[in-house]
């Protein structure tokens, strides 16, 4: 339907037709997956990013990255956020988080040092190996994002980001 046809329709019908056009576009882009629940779609989307990330890490020689390690490494590289914030966002227990950080240190992705301002605290930073892994992770995420944009267009990607941000906010407001 052309824009000229949309303008000639009565207001209610015009919006209904636009909504149907958008639904048709989404269903076509989703390969018949429109009937899946949002949690199922989120799991599948996470798998797409995880597979791309694991492949990129393996190709770059970082095939020993532990599960959830890429989240920690890329979080430190991308935002510079304190490790505690990244671990909290990951949702891991203190014990699991400690084991993950220990593994990342032993495998050369992270370095621990005494905080010069507070000798009771340890700081964690990326090593050169961790920085190189973060570059591979970012490139993999960018490739998945580019593929998604090519499949559904930039407008739908922006809407998806806004929708997921609203869902995250709703979850944060609901509490643990």
C-alpha atoms as a PDB file:
ATOM      1  CA  UNK A   1       0.000   0.000   0.000  1.00  0.00           C
ATOM      2  CA  UNK A   2       1.349   3.441  -0.906  1.00  0.00           C
ATOM      3  CA  UNK A   3       1.569   6.460   1.382  1.00  0.00           C
ATOM      4  CA  UNK A   4      -1.020   8.174  -0.816  1.00  0.00           C
ATOM      5  CA  UNK A   5      -3.465   5.330  -0.183  1.00  0.00           C
ATOM      6  CA  UNK A   6      -2.779   5.530   3.577  1.00  0.00           C
ATOM      7  CA  UNK A   7      -3.581   9.239   3.581  1.00  0.00           C
ATOM      8  CA  UNK A   8      -6.919   8.670   1.817  1.00  0.00           C
ATOM      9  CA  UNK A   9      -8.148   6.031   4.265  1.00  0.00           C
ATOM     10  CA  UNK A  10     -10.200   7.081   7.303  1.00  0.00           C
ATOM     11  CA  UNK A  11      -7.957   7.482  10.361  1.00  0.00           C
ATOM     12  CA  UNK A  12      -8.838   4.201  12.083  1.00  0.00           C
ATOM     13  CA  UNK A  13      -8.481   2.082   8.978  1.00  0.00           C
ATOM     14  CA  UNK A  14      -5.229   3.787   8.040  1.00  0.00           C
ATOM     15  CA  UNK A  15      -3.646   2.905  11.380  1.00  0.00           C
ATOM     16  CA  UNK A  16      -5.024  -0.653  11.236  1.00  0.00           C
ATOM     17  CA  UNK A  17      -3.485  -1.144   7.799  1.00  0.00           C
ATOM     18  CA  UNK A  18      -0.119   0.243   8.932  1.00  0.00           C
ATOM     19  CA  UNK A  19      -0.166  -2.028  11.968  1.00  0.00           C
ATOM     20  CA  UNK A  20      -0.972  -5.032   9.781  1.00  0.00           C
ATOM     21  CA  UNK A  21       1.811  -4.080   7.347  1.00  0.00           C
ATOM     22  CA  UNK A  22       4.256  -3.986  10.285  1.00  0.00           C
ATOM     23  CA  UNK A  23       3.028  -7.338  11.615  1.00  0.00           C
ATOM     24  CA  UNK A  24       3.432  -8.847   8.159  1.00  0.00           C
ATOM     25  CA  UNK A  25       6.969  -7.459   7.946  1.00  0.00           C
ATOM     26  CA  UNK A  26       7.910  -8.833  11.368  1.00  0.00           C
ATOM     27  CA  UNK A  27       6.415 -12.253  10.665  1.00  0.00           C
ATOM     28  CA  UNK A  28       8.209 -12.403   7.321  1.00  0.00           C
ATOM     29  CA  UNK A  29      11.515 -11.428   8.914  1.00  0.00           C
ATOM     30  CA  UNK A  30      11.037 -13.847  11.804  1.00  0.00           C
ATOM     31  CA  UNK A  31      10.683 -16.902   9.607  1.00  0.00           C
ATOM     32  CA  UNK A  32       7.345 -17.919  11.163  1.00  0.00           C
ATOM     33  CA  UNK A  33       8.533 -17.417  14.731  1.00  0.00           C
ATOM     34  CA  UNK A  34       5.986 -14.726  15.612  1.00  0.00           C
ATOM     35  CA  UNK A  35       3.990 -17.243  17.684  1.00  0.00           C
ATOM     36  CA  UNK A  36       6.883 -17.875  20.082  1.00  0.00           C
ATOM     37  CA  UNK A  37       6.745 -16.322  23.528  1.00  0.00           C
ATOM     38  CA  UNK A  38       9.063 -13.432  24.332  1.00  0.00           C
ATOM     39  CA  UNK A  39      11.129 -15.539  26.773  1.00  0.00           C
ATOM     40  CA  UNK A  40      11.652 -18.148  24.036  1.00  0.00           C
ATOM     41  CA  UNK A  41      12.657 -15.439  21.560  1.00  0.00           C
ATOM     42  CA  UNK A  42      15.079 -13.954  24.089  1.00  0.00           C
ATOM     43  CA  UNK A  43      16.704 -17.363  24.646  1.00  0.00           C
ATOM     44  CA  UNK A  44      17.101 -17.818  20.901  1.00  0.00           C
ATOM     45  CA  UNK A  45      18.524 -14.322  20.476  1.00  0.00           C
ATOM     46  CA  UNK A  46      20.991 -14.931  23.287  1.00  0.00           C
ATOM     47  CA  UNK A  47      22.066 -18.154  21.570  1.00  0.00           C
ATOM     48  CA  UNK A  48      22.727 -16.222  18.339  1.00  0.00           C
ATOM     49  CA  UNK A  49      25.028 -13.803  20.160  1.00  0.00           C
ATOM     50  CA  UNK A  50      26.665 -16.568  22.220  1.00  0.00           C
ATOM     51  CA  UNK A  51      27.392 -18.719  19.156  1.00  0.00           C
ATOM     52  CA  UNK A  52      28.871 -15.780  17.248  1.00  0.00           C
ATOM     53  CA  UNK A  53      30.960 -14.770  20.250  1.00  0.00           C
ATOM     54  CA  UNK A  54      32.266 -18.289  20.910  1.00  0.00           C
ATOM     55  CA  UNK A  55      33.155 -18.731  17.234  1.00  0.00           C
ATOM     56  CA  UNK A  56      34.974 -15.379  17.111  1.00  0.00           C
ATOM     57  CA  UNK A  57      36.868 -16.147  20.310  1.00  0.00           C
ATOM     58  CA  UNK A  58      37.894 -19.593  19.062  1.00  0.00           C
ATOM     59  CA  UNK A  59      39.045 -18.182  15.700  1.00  0.00           C
ATOM     60  CA  UNK A  60      41.117 -15.536  17.529  1.00  0.00           C
ATOM     61  CA  UNK A  61      42.776 -18.143  19.755  1.00  0.00           C
ATOM     62  CA  UNK A  62      40.698 -17.545  22.875  1.00  0.00           C
ATOM     63  CA  UNK A  63      38.923 -20.898  22.991  1.00  0.00           C
ATOM     64  CA  UNK A  64      39.558 -21.193  26.727  1.00  0.00           C
ATOM     65  CA  UNK A  65      37.193 -18.335  27.622  1.00  0.00           C
ATOM     66  CA  UNK A  66      34.892 -19.677  30.363  1.00  0.00           C
ATOM     67  CA  UNK A  67      31.134 -19.515  30.155  1.00  0.00           C
ATOM     68  CA  UNK A  68      30.023 -15.976  31.075  1.00  0.00           C
ATOM     69  CA  UNK A  69      33.641 -14.839  30.825  1.00  0.00           C
ATOM     70  CA  UNK A  70      32.912 -12.905  27.644  1.00  0.00           C
ATOM     71  CA  UNK A  71      30.236 -10.942  29.520  1.00  0.00           C
ATOM     72  CA  UNK A  72      32.730  -9.899  32.193  1.00  0.00           C
ATOM     73  CA  UNK A  73      35.567  -9.135  29.764  1.00  0.00           C
ATOM     74  CA  UNK A  74      33.396  -7.140  27.377  1.00  0.00           C
ATOM     75  CA  UNK A  75      31.678  -5.351  30.257  1.00  0.00           C
ATOM     76  CA  UNK A  76      34.986  -4.134  31.653  1.00  0.00           C
ATOM     77  CA  UNK A  77      36.218  -3.144  28.178  1.00  0.00           C
ATOM     78  CA  UNK A  78      32.991  -1.456  27.078  1.00  0.00           C
ATOM     79  CA  UNK A  79      31.987   0.481  30.168  1.00  0.00           C
ATOM     80  CA  UNK A  80      34.901   0.386  32.545  1.00  0.00           C
ATOM     81  CA  UNK A  81      32.322  -0.402  35.221  1.00  0.00           C
ATOM     82  CA  UNK A  82      33.578  -1.842  38.485  1.00  0.00           C
ATOM     83  CA  UNK A  83      33.698  -5.618  38.514  1.00  0.00           C
ATOM     84  CA  UNK A  84      31.055  -5.741  41.272  1.00  0.00           C
ATOM     85  CA  UNK A  85      28.506  -3.997  39.039  1.00  0.00           C
ATOM     86  CA  UNK A  86      29.212  -6.336  36.134  1.00  0.00           C
ATOM     87  CA  UNK A  87      28.905  -9.415  38.364  1.00  0.00           C
ATOM     88  CA  UNK A  88      25.650  -8.091  39.847  1.00  0.00           C
ATOM     89  CA  UNK A  89      24.255  -7.572  36.344  1.00  0.00           C
ATOM     90  CA  UNK A  90      25.363 -11.099  35.439  1.00  0.00           C
ATOM     91  CA  UNK A  91      23.279 -12.434  38.314  1.00  0.00           C
ATOM     92  CA  UNK A  92      25.878 -14.904  39.543  1.00  0.00           C
ATOM     93  CA  UNK A  93      26.310 -15.896  43.172  1.00  0.00           C
ATOM     94  CA  UNK A  94      29.365 -14.540  45.000  1.00  0.00           C
ATOM     95  CA  UNK A  95      30.953 -17.975  44.916  1.00  0.00           C
ATOM     96  CA  UNK A  96      30.339 -18.461  41.180  1.00  0.00           C
ATOM     97  CA  UNK A  97      31.526 -14.915  40.464  1.00  0.00           C
ATOM     98  CA  UNK A  98      34.697 -15.493  42.467  1.00  0.00           C
ATOM     99  CA  UNK A  99      35.414 -18.713  40.587  1.00  0.00           C
ATOM    100  CA  UNK A 100      34.790 -16.987  37.248  1.00  0.00           C
ATOM    101  CA  UNK A 101      37.153 -14.126  38.098  1.00  0.00           C
ATOM    102  CA  UNK A 102      39.779 -16.597  39.366  1.00  0.00           C
ATOM    103  CA  UNK A 103      39.553 -18.517  36.096  1.00  0.00           C
ATOM    104  CA  UNK A 104      39.827 -15.310  34.027  1.00  0.00           C
ATOM    105  CA  UNK A 105      42.921 -14.314  36.030  1.00  0.00           C
ATOM    106  CA  UNK A 106      44.563 -17.745  35.714  1.00  0.00           C
ATOM    107  CA  UNK A 107      43.887 -17.833  31.953  1.00  0.00           C
ATOM    108  CA  UNK A 108      45.397 -14.399  31.501  1.00  0.00           C
ATOM    109  CA  UNK A 109      42.335 -12.290  30.668  1.00  0.00           C
ATOM    110  CA  UNK A 110      42.266 -10.283  33.904  1.00  0.00           C
ATOM    111  CA  UNK A 111      44.892  -8.998  36.330  1.00  0.00           C
ATOM    112  CA  UNK A 112      44.361  -8.373  40.032  1.00  0.00           C
ATOM    113  CA  UNK A 113      46.186  -5.629  41.904  1.00  0.00           C
ATOM    114  CA  UNK A 114      45.975  -3.981  45.305  1.00  0.00           C
ATOM    115  CA  UNK A 115      43.989  -0.733  45.123  1.00  0.00           C
ATOM    116  CA  UNK A 116      46.536   2.046  45.759  1.00  0.00           C
ATOM    117  CA  UNK A 117      43.856   4.159  47.484  1.00  0.00           C
ATOM    118  CA  UNK A 118      42.607   1.384  49.753  1.00  0.00           C
ATOM    119  CA  UNK A 119      45.028  -1.467  50.338  1.00  0.00           C
ATOM    120  CA  UNK A 120      42.214  -3.652  51.682  1.00  0.00           C
ATOM    121  CA  UNK A 121      40.649  -3.776  48.210  1.00  0.00           C
ATOM    122  CA  UNK A 122      41.718  -5.498  45.038  1.00  0.00           C
ATOM    123  CA  UNK A 123      41.193  -4.021  41.596  1.00  0.00           C
ATOM    124  CA  UNK A 124      40.695  -6.030  38.452  1.00  0.00           C
ATOM    125  CA  UNK A 125      41.702  -4.899  34.981  1.00  0.00           C
ATOM    126  CA  UNK A 126      42.031  -6.378  31.532  1.00  0.00           C
ATOM    127  CA  UNK A 127      45.385  -7.730  30.458  1.00  0.00           C
ATOM    128  CA  UNK A 128      46.570  -7.352  26.867  1.00  0.00           C
ATOM    129  CA  UNK A 129      45.052 -10.786  26.244  1.00  0.00           C
ATOM    130  CA  UNK A 130      41.770  -9.647  27.800  1.00  0.00           C
ATOM    131  CA  UNK A 131      41.756  -6.515  25.638  1.00  0.00           C
ATOM    132  CA  UNK A 132      42.338  -8.598  22.502  1.00  0.00           C
ATOM    133  CA  UNK A 133      39.500 -10.940  23.489  1.00  0.00           C
ATOM    134  CA  UNK A 134      37.236  -7.919  24.089  1.00  0.00           C
ATOM    135  CA  UNK A 135      37.951  -6.744  20.526  1.00  0.00           C
ATOM    136  CA  UNK A 136      36.951 -10.175  19.167  1.00  0.00           C
ATOM    137  CA  UNK A 137      33.771 -10.159  21.286  1.00  0.00           C
ATOM    138  CA  UNK A 138      32.815  -6.636  20.146  1.00  0.00           C
ATOM    139  CA  UNK A 139      33.377  -7.600  16.498  1.00  0.00           C
ATOM    140  CA  UNK A 140      31.131 -10.656  16.893  1.00  0.00           C
ATOM    141  CA  UNK A 141      28.369  -8.583  18.501  1.00  0.00           C
ATOM    142  CA  UNK A 142      28.692  -5.976  15.751  1.00  0.00           C
ATOM    143  CA  UNK A 143      28.343  -8.707  13.087  1.00  0.00           C
ATOM    144  CA  UNK A 144      25.178 -10.079  14.697  1.00  0.00           C
ATOM    145  CA  UNK A 145      23.790  -6.543  15.009  1.00  0.00           C
ATOM    146  CA  UNK A 146      24.595  -5.815  11.343  1.00  0.00           C
ATOM    147  CA  UNK A 147      22.944  -9.056  10.236  1.00  0.00           C
ATOM    148  CA  UNK A 148      19.868  -8.232  12.309  1.00  0.00           C
ATOM    149  CA  UNK A 149      19.692  -4.732  10.822  1.00  0.00           C
ATOM    150  CA  UNK A 150      19.989  -6.178   7.309  1.00  0.00           C
ATOM    151  CA  UNK A 151      17.138  -8.615   8.036  1.00  0.00           C
ATOM    152  CA  UNK A 152      14.612  -6.253   9.628  1.00  0.00           C
ATOM    153  CA  UNK A 153      15.900  -2.725   9.078  1.00  0.00           C
ATOM    154  CA  UNK A 154      17.254  -0.104  11.437  1.00  0.00           C
ATOM    155  CA  UNK A 155      13.816   1.087  12.594  1.00  0.00           C
ATOM    156  CA  UNK A 156      12.874  -2.351  13.896  1.00  0.00           C
ATOM    157  CA  UNK A 157      16.259  -2.717  15.616  1.00  0.00           C
ATOM    158  CA  UNK A 158      15.715   0.621  17.389  1.00  0.00           C
ATOM    159  CA  UNK A 159      12.224  -0.478  18.432  1.00  0.00           C
ATOM    160  CA  UNK A 160      13.633  -3.769  19.702  1.00  0.00           C
ATOM    161  CA  UNK A 161      16.264  -1.969  21.776  1.00  0.00           C
ATOM    162  CA  UNK A 162      13.612   0.329  23.267  1.00  0.00           C
ATOM    163  CA  UNK A 163      11.317  -2.603  24.013  1.00  0.00           C
ATOM    164  CA  UNK A 164      14.058  -4.641  25.674  1.00  0.00           C
ATOM    165  CA  UNK A 165      15.211  -1.622  27.697  1.00  0.00           C
ATOM    166  CA  UNK A 166      11.629  -1.160  28.932  1.00  0.00           C
ATOM    167  CA  UNK A 167      11.447  -4.859  29.824  1.00  0.00           C
ATOM    168  CA  UNK A 168      14.727  -4.593  31.757  1.00  0.00           C
ATOM    169  CA  UNK A 169      13.455  -1.524  33.604  1.00  0.00           C
ATOM    170  CA  UNK A 170      10.246  -3.328  34.468  1.00  0.00           C
ATOM    171  CA  UNK A 171      12.263  -6.223  35.885  1.00  0.00           C
ATOM    172  CA  UNK A 172      14.464  -3.881  37.909  1.00  0.00           C
ATOM    173  CA  UNK A 173      11.430  -2.123  39.347  1.00  0.00           C
ATOM    174  CA  UNK A 174       9.865  -5.459  40.297  1.00  0.00           C
ATOM    175  CA  UNK A 175      12.927  -6.349  42.372  1.00  0.00           C
ATOM    176  CA  UNK A 176      14.600  -9.719  42.949  1.00  0.00           C
END
